[in-house]
N, C-alpha and C. Protein backbone atom coordinates (compact mmCIF):
# COMPACT_ATOMS: atom_id res chain seq x y z
N MET A 1 0.67 -1.27 -0.02
CA MET A 1 -0.15 -0.38 -0.03
C MET A 1 1.07 1.39 -0.06
N GLN A 2 0.42 1.75 -0.47
CA GLN A 2 1.03 3.37 -0.95
C GLN A 2 0.87 4.31 0.16
N SER A 3 1.83 5.26 1.14
CA SER A 3 1.40 5.82 2.42
C SER A 3 1.26 6.88 1.79
N ASP A 4 0.43 7.34 1.29
CA ASP A 4 0.78 9.11 1.44
C ASP A 4 0.14 10.60 2.68
N LEU A 5 1.06 11.17 2.87
CA LEU A 5 1.02 11.02 4.36
C LEU A 5 -0.39 12.61 4.07
N ASN A 6 -0.22 13.54 2.81
CA ASN A 6 -1.48 14.28 2.85
C ASN A 6 -3.52 13.74 2.53
N ASN A 7 -3.15 12.97 1.96
CA ASN A 7 -4.37 11.19 1.81
C ASN A 7 -4.86 11.70 3.60
N ILE A 8 -3.98 11.00 4.11
CA ILE A 8 -3.99 10.80 5.45
C ILE A 8 -4.38 11.63 6.43
N GLN A 9 -3.46 12.90 6.62
CA GLN A 9 -4.11 14.51 6.95
C GLN A 9 -5.73 14.77 6.59
N TYR A 10 -6.25 14.86 4.96
CA TYR A 10 -7.05 15.07 4.98
C TYR A 10 -7.98 13.75 5.21
N LEU A 11 -8.10 12.19 5.45
CA LEU A 11 -8.71 11.76 6.20
C LEU A 11 -8.78 11.91 7.57
N PHE A 12 -7.73 12.27 8.53
CA PHE A 12 -7.62 12.39 10.10
C PHE A 12 -9.16 14.19 9.88
N ALA A 13 -8.57 15.11 9.28
CA ALA A 13 -9.79 16.16 8.76
C ALA A 13 -11.53 15.44 8.93
N LYS A 14 -11.45 14.70 7.97
CA LYS A 14 -12.66 13.83 7.77
C LYS A 14 -13.47 13.15 9.07
N MET A 15 -12.46 12.24 9.17
CA MET A 15 -12.80 11.41 10.94
C MET A 15 -13.08 12.64 11.82
N GLY A 16 -12.44 13.80 12.29
CA GLY A 16 -13.14 14.83 13.39
C GLY A 16 -14.64 15.19 12.91
N GLU A 17 -14.41 15.55 11.61
CA GLU A 17 -16.08 16.24 11.37
C GLU A 17 -16.78 15.01 11.33
N ASP A 18 -16.74 13.50 11.46
CA ASP A 18 -17.54 12.20 11.26
C ASP A 18 -17.49 12.41 12.93
N GLY A 19 -17.18 12.24 13.80
CA GLY A 19 -17.20 12.17 15.08
C GLY A 19 -16.30 12.25 15.78
N PHE A 20 -15.52 11.47 15.04
CA PHE A 20 -13.76 10.47 15.97
C PHE A 20 -13.48 11.36 16.75
N ASP A 21 -12.79 10.98 17.87
CA ASP A 21 -11.59 11.79 18.67
C ASP A 21 -11.00 11.40 18.10
N THR A 22 -9.89 11.87 16.88
CA THR A 22 -8.57 12.05 16.35
C THR A 22 -7.34 12.47 17.76
N ASN A 23 -8.15 13.15 18.45
CA ASN A 23 -6.83 12.91 19.59
C ASN A 23 -6.71 11.65 20.89
N GLY A 24 -7.82 11.28 21.38
CA GLY A 24 -7.71 10.26 21.51
C GLY A 24 -7.65 9.03 20.81
N SER A 25 -7.91 7.81 22.38
CA SER A 25 -7.66 6.60 21.48
C SER A 25 -8.67 5.58 20.82
N LEU A 26 -8.32 5.20 19.79
CA LEU A 26 -9.24 4.71 18.41
C LEU A 26 -8.67 3.32 18.57
N LYS A 27 -9.22 2.20 17.37
CA LYS A 27 -9.55 1.04 17.40
C LYS A 27 -8.86 1.22 16.29
N TRP A 28 -7.37 0.68 15.79
CA TRP A 28 -7.04 0.35 14.44
C TRP A 28 -6.56 -0.59 14.34
N GLY A 29 -7.24 -1.27 12.42
CA GLY A 29 -6.97 -2.14 12.25
C GLY A 29 -6.51 -1.76 10.48
N PHE A 30 -5.11 -3.28 10.79
CA PHE A 30 -4.26 -3.38 9.91
C PHE A 30 -4.87 -4.49 8.72
N PHE A 31 -4.03 -4.49 7.75
CA PHE A 31 -4.87 -6.04 6.67
C PHE A 31 -3.35 -5.98 5.65
N PHE A 32 -3.23 -7.75 5.53
CA PHE A 32 -1.71 -8.11 5.50
C PHE A 32 -2.94 -8.99 4.19
N ILE A 33 -1.83 -9.80 3.49
CA ILE A 33 -2.68 -10.36 2.51
C ILE A 33 -1.94 -11.17 1.77
N ASP A 34 -1.26 -13.15 1.72
CA ASP A 34 -1.21 -13.53 0.78
C ASP A 34 -0.97 -14.80 0.82
N SER A 35 -0.64 -15.27 0.27
CA SER A 35 -1.04 -16.64 -0.67
C SER A 35 -0.46 -17.59 0.64
N ASN A 36 0.64 -17.13 1.53
CA ASN A 36 0.89 -18.65 2.17
C ASN A 36 0.27 -17.88 3.47
N LYS A 37 -0.08 -18.73 4.55
CA LYS A 37 -1.05 -18.79 5.45
C LYS A 37 0.63 -18.88 6.47
N GLU A 38 1.25 -18.92 6.36
CA GLU A 38 2.51 -19.75 7.13
C GLU A 38 2.97 -18.23 7.30
N ARG A 39 3.43 -17.36 5.88
CA ARG A 39 3.73 -16.36 6.58
C ARG A 39 2.79 -15.01 6.94
N LEU A 40 2.22 -14.22 6.56
CA LEU A 40 1.30 -13.92 7.75
C LEU A 40 1.20 -14.80 9.75
N ILE A 41 1.19 -16.06 9.40
CA ILE A 41 1.65 -15.74 11.04
C ILE A 41 2.76 -15.36 11.38
N LYS A 42 3.80 -15.19 10.77
CA LYS A 42 5.05 -14.59 10.79
C LYS A 42 5.26 -13.15 10.83
N VAL A 43 3.88 -12.79 10.29
CA VAL A 43 3.96 -11.49 10.36
C VAL A 43 3.39 -10.60 11.80
N TYR A 44 2.34 -11.69 12.48
CA TYR A 44 1.56 -11.38 13.32
C TYR A 44 2.43 -11.49 14.54
N ASN A 45 3.82 -12.99 14.58
CA ASN A 45 4.14 -13.15 15.39
C ASN A 45 5.27 -12.04 14.99
N GLU A 46 5.71 -10.96 14.89
CA GLU A 46 6.66 -10.58 14.71
C GLU A 46 5.66 -8.81 15.28
N LEU A 47 4.85 -8.35 14.93
CA LEU A 47 3.49 -7.36 15.77
C LEU A 47 3.26 -8.46 17.24
N LYS A 48 2.40 -9.13 17.55
CA LYS A 48 1.96 -9.13 19.28
C LYS A 48 2.66 -9.42 19.92
N ASN A 49 4.49 -9.12 19.97
CA ASN A 49 4.60 -7.98 21.57
C ASN A 49 4.47 -6.89 21.57
N HIS A 50 4.16 -6.24 20.65
CA HIS A 50 3.78 -4.54 19.97
C HIS A 50 2.43 -4.66 20.82
N GLN A 51 1.27 -5.53 21.28
CA GLN A 51 0.19 -4.86 21.61
C GLN A 51 -1.01 -4.73 20.42
N TYR A 52 -0.65 -5.82 19.47
CA TYR A 52 -1.53 -6.26 18.32
C TYR A 52 -2.08 -6.93 18.81
N ILE A 53 -3.52 -6.95 18.55
CA ILE A 53 -4.56 -8.45 18.95
C ILE A 53 -4.89 -8.89 17.49
N LEU A 54 -4.30 -9.86 17.24
CA LEU A 54 -5.15 -11.08 16.32
C LEU A 54 -6.42 -10.81 16.29
N GLU A 55 -6.85 -10.25 15.16
CA GLU A 55 -8.76 -10.24 14.69
C GLU A 55 -9.19 -11.57 14.12
N LYS A 56 -8.40 -11.67 12.81
CA LYS A 56 -9.02 -12.74 11.92
C LYS A 56 -7.28 -13.05 10.42
N LEU A 57 -7.97 -14.22 10.57
CA LEU A 57 -6.75 -14.98 10.27
C LEU A 57 -7.70 -15.52 8.49
N GLU A 58 -8.54 -15.06 7.90
CA GLU A 58 -9.13 -16.04 7.11
C GLU A 58 -8.78 -15.62 5.21
N GLN A 59 -8.91 -17.54 4.93
CA GLN A 59 -8.36 -17.49 3.13
C GLN A 59 -9.79 -17.29 2.66
N LEU A 60 -9.27 -16.34 1.97
CA LEU A 60 -10.11 -14.75 1.20
C LEU A 60 -10.63 -15.62 -0.02
N ASP A 61 -10.38 -16.00 -0.70
CA ASP A 61 -10.56 -17.17 -1.91
C ASP A 61 -9.84 -18.57 -2.28
N THR A 62 -9.17 -19.41 -3.19
CA THR A 62 -8.70 -20.78 -3.44
C THR A 62 -6.92 -19.69 -3.32
N LYS A 63 -6.45 -18.69 -3.41
CA LYS A 63 -5.31 -18.29 -3.21
C LYS A 63 -4.65 -18.24 -2.36
N ASP A 64 -5.71 -16.88 -2.04
CA ASP A 64 -5.31 -15.73 -0.85
C ASP A 64 -6.13 -15.63 0.47
N TRP A 65 -4.84 -15.40 1.95
CA TRP A 65 -5.12 -14.85 2.81
C TRP A 65 -5.01 -14.29 3.54
N MET A 66 -6.16 -13.16 4.61
CA MET A 66 -5.89 -11.91 5.03
C MET A 66 -5.63 -12.44 6.08
N LEU A 67 -4.63 -11.50 6.82
CA LEU A 67 -4.59 -11.17 8.35
C LEU A 67 -4.66 -10.41 8.78
N THR A 68 -5.85 -10.00 9.38
CA THR A 68 -5.98 -8.58 10.32
C THR A 68 -5.53 -8.40 11.94
N VAL A 69 -4.47 -7.35 12.44
CA VAL A 69 -4.60 -7.39 13.36
C VAL A 69 -5.32 -5.85 13.88
N SER A 70 -4.88 -5.31 14.93
CA SER A 70 -5.66 -3.98 15.49
C SER A 70 -5.06 -3.93 16.49
N LYS A 71 -5.47 -2.59 17.02
CA LYS A 71 -4.48 -2.40 18.07
C LYS A 71 -5.09 -1.08 19.05
N ILE A 72 -5.32 -0.39 20.56
CA ILE A 72 -6.09 0.41 20.73
C ILE A 72 -4.82 1.17 20.88
N ASP A 73 -5.29 2.62 19.94
CA ASP A 73 -3.53 3.41 20.05
C ASP A 73 -3.95 4.87 19.43
N ILE A 74 -3.49 5.66 20.33
CA ILE A 74 -3.70 7.17 19.48
C ILE A 74 -2.85 7.72 18.66
N LEU A 75 -3.30 7.84 17.30
CA LEU A 75 -2.21 7.90 16.65
C LEU A 75 -2.05 9.31 16.16
N THR A 76 -1.40 10.43 15.24
CA THR A 76 -1.60 11.40 14.51
C THR A 76 -1.89 10.61 12.81
N ALA A 77 -1.71 12.14 12.20
CA ALA A 77 -1.36 11.42 11.02
C ALA A 77 -0.14 11.07 10.54
N GLU A 78 0.35 12.06 10.80
CA GLU A 78 2.48 11.88 10.98
C GLU A 78 2.79 10.37 11.35
N LYS A 79 2.14 10.00 12.48
CA LYS A 79 2.32 8.70 13.18
C LYS A 79 1.74 7.10 12.00
N LEU A 80 0.69 7.51 11.93
CA LEU A 80 -0.13 6.53 10.72
C LEU A 80 0.83 6.27 9.44
N HIS A 81 1.08 7.32 9.52
CA HIS A 81 1.64 7.59 7.90
C HIS A 81 2.93 6.80 8.45
N LYS A 82 4.37 6.70 9.42
CA LYS A 82 5.29 6.12 9.74
C LYS A 82 5.09 4.50 9.74
N ARG A 83 3.72 4.28 10.53
CA ARG A 83 3.12 3.01 11.03
C ARG A 83 3.40 2.42 9.18
N ASN A 84 2.52 3.29 8.61
CA ASN A 84 2.00 2.32 7.02
C ASN A 84 3.11 2.22 6.57
N ILE A 85 4.45 3.22 6.51
CA ILE A 85 5.90 3.08 5.70
C ILE A 85 6.32 1.92 6.51
N ALA A 86 6.18 1.99 7.53
CA ALA A 86 6.77 0.52 8.42
C ALA A 86 6.43 -0.61 8.46
N PHE A 87 4.38 -0.76 8.36
CA PHE A 87 3.97 -2.71 7.76
C PHE A 87 4.67 -2.51 6.03
N ASN A 88 4.91 -1.97 5.05
CA ASN A 88 5.45 -1.68 3.91
C ASN A 88 6.55 -2.90 4.37
N GLU A 89 7.22 -2.37 5.10
CA GLU A 89 8.40 -2.47 5.56
C GLU A 89 8.43 -4.38 5.82
N LEU A 90 7.67 -4.37 6.69
CA LEU A 90 6.88 -5.68 7.71
C LEU A 90 7.13 -6.69 6.32
N ALA A 91 5.89 -6.68 5.18
CA ALA A 91 5.78 -7.35 4.63
C ALA A 91 6.59 -7.88 3.25
N LYS A 92 7.28 -6.54 3.09
CA LYS A 92 8.90 -6.94 2.40
C LYS A 92 9.52 -7.87 3.45
N PHE A 93 10.01 -7.83 4.73
CA PHE A 93 11.07 -8.26 5.47
C PHE A 93 10.05 -10.39 5.23
N CYS A 94 8.46 -10.33 5.82
CA CYS A 94 8.08 -11.42 6.04
C CYS A 94 8.21 -11.76 4.47
N GLY A 95 8.29 -10.97 3.66
CA GLY A 95 7.80 -11.45 1.46
C GLY A 95 6.29 -11.89 1.58
N ILE A 96 5.91 -11.26 2.05
CA ILE A 96 4.08 -11.04 2.34
C ILE A 96 3.99 -10.47 0.70
N ASP A 97 2.98 -10.86 -0.27
CA ASP A 97 2.46 -10.00 -1.16
C ASP A 97 2.02 -8.84 -1.21
N LEU A 98 1.39 -7.98 0.21
CA LEU A 98 0.45 -7.10 0.89
C LEU A 98 0.66 -6.66 1.22
N TYR A 99 0.57 -5.25 2.51
CA TYR A 99 0.30 -4.64 3.27
C TYR A 99 -0.96 -3.62 2.59
N ASP A 100 -2.04 -4.26 3.27
CA ASP A 100 -3.46 -3.81 2.34
C ASP A 100 -4.18 -2.28 3.17
N GLY A 101 -3.78 -2.08 4.17
CA GLY A 101 -3.57 -1.06 4.82
C GLY A 101 -4.92 -1.19 6.08
N TRP A 102 -5.28 -0.35 6.39
CA TRP A 102 -5.58 -0.04 7.77
C TRP A 102 -7.43 0.79 7.37
N ASP A 103 -7.71 0.06 9.37
CA ASP A 103 -9.01 0.82 9.58
C ASP A 103 -8.88 1.30 10.47
N VAL A 104 -10.41 2.14 10.85
CA VAL A 104 -10.68 3.24 12.13
C VAL A 104 -11.82 2.88 12.68
N GLU A 105 -12.44 2.68 13.76
CA GLU A 105 -13.05 2.36 14.51
C GLU A 105 -12.83 3.19 16.04
N LYS A 106 -14.60 3.72 16.73
CA LYS A 106 -14.53 3.93 17.84
C LYS A 106 -14.60 2.95 18.98
N LEU A 107 -14.11 3.62 19.73
CA LEU A 107 -14.19 2.49 20.83
C LEU A 107 -15.20 2.21 21.60
N GLU A 108 -16.30 1.22 21.60
CA GLU A 108 -17.10 0.95 22.92
C GLU A 108 -16.92 1.99 23.63
N VAL A 109 -18.75 2.40 24.24
CA VAL A 109 -18.43 3.28 25.86
C VAL A 109 -18.62 2.04 26.68
N GLY A 110 -19.19 1.93 27.49
CA GLY A 110 -19.66 1.62 28.66
C GLY A 110 -19.29 -0.24 28.38
């Protein structure tokens, strides 16, 4: 996934308009895709010591698997941009086909 700081800054402004507290903790999800399940497990093993939670490891089709990890974190647009760059490097290091980006959710209250 190509990370673009200007685009992320725009998305952060949009998130604020949509009621996200971008200065507070949010649940961030990150996605990795590969045809080899074991390589995705290797990615997770690299991330679990950094408080990432395994959300899903699922087969998408006859060829590809997707790893979804999440972390509750406070990220700025700049930190998310750096995280995307680091995850692209992690995918390359682990031989993964694709770091497929991120999503974000508000935390459940109560």
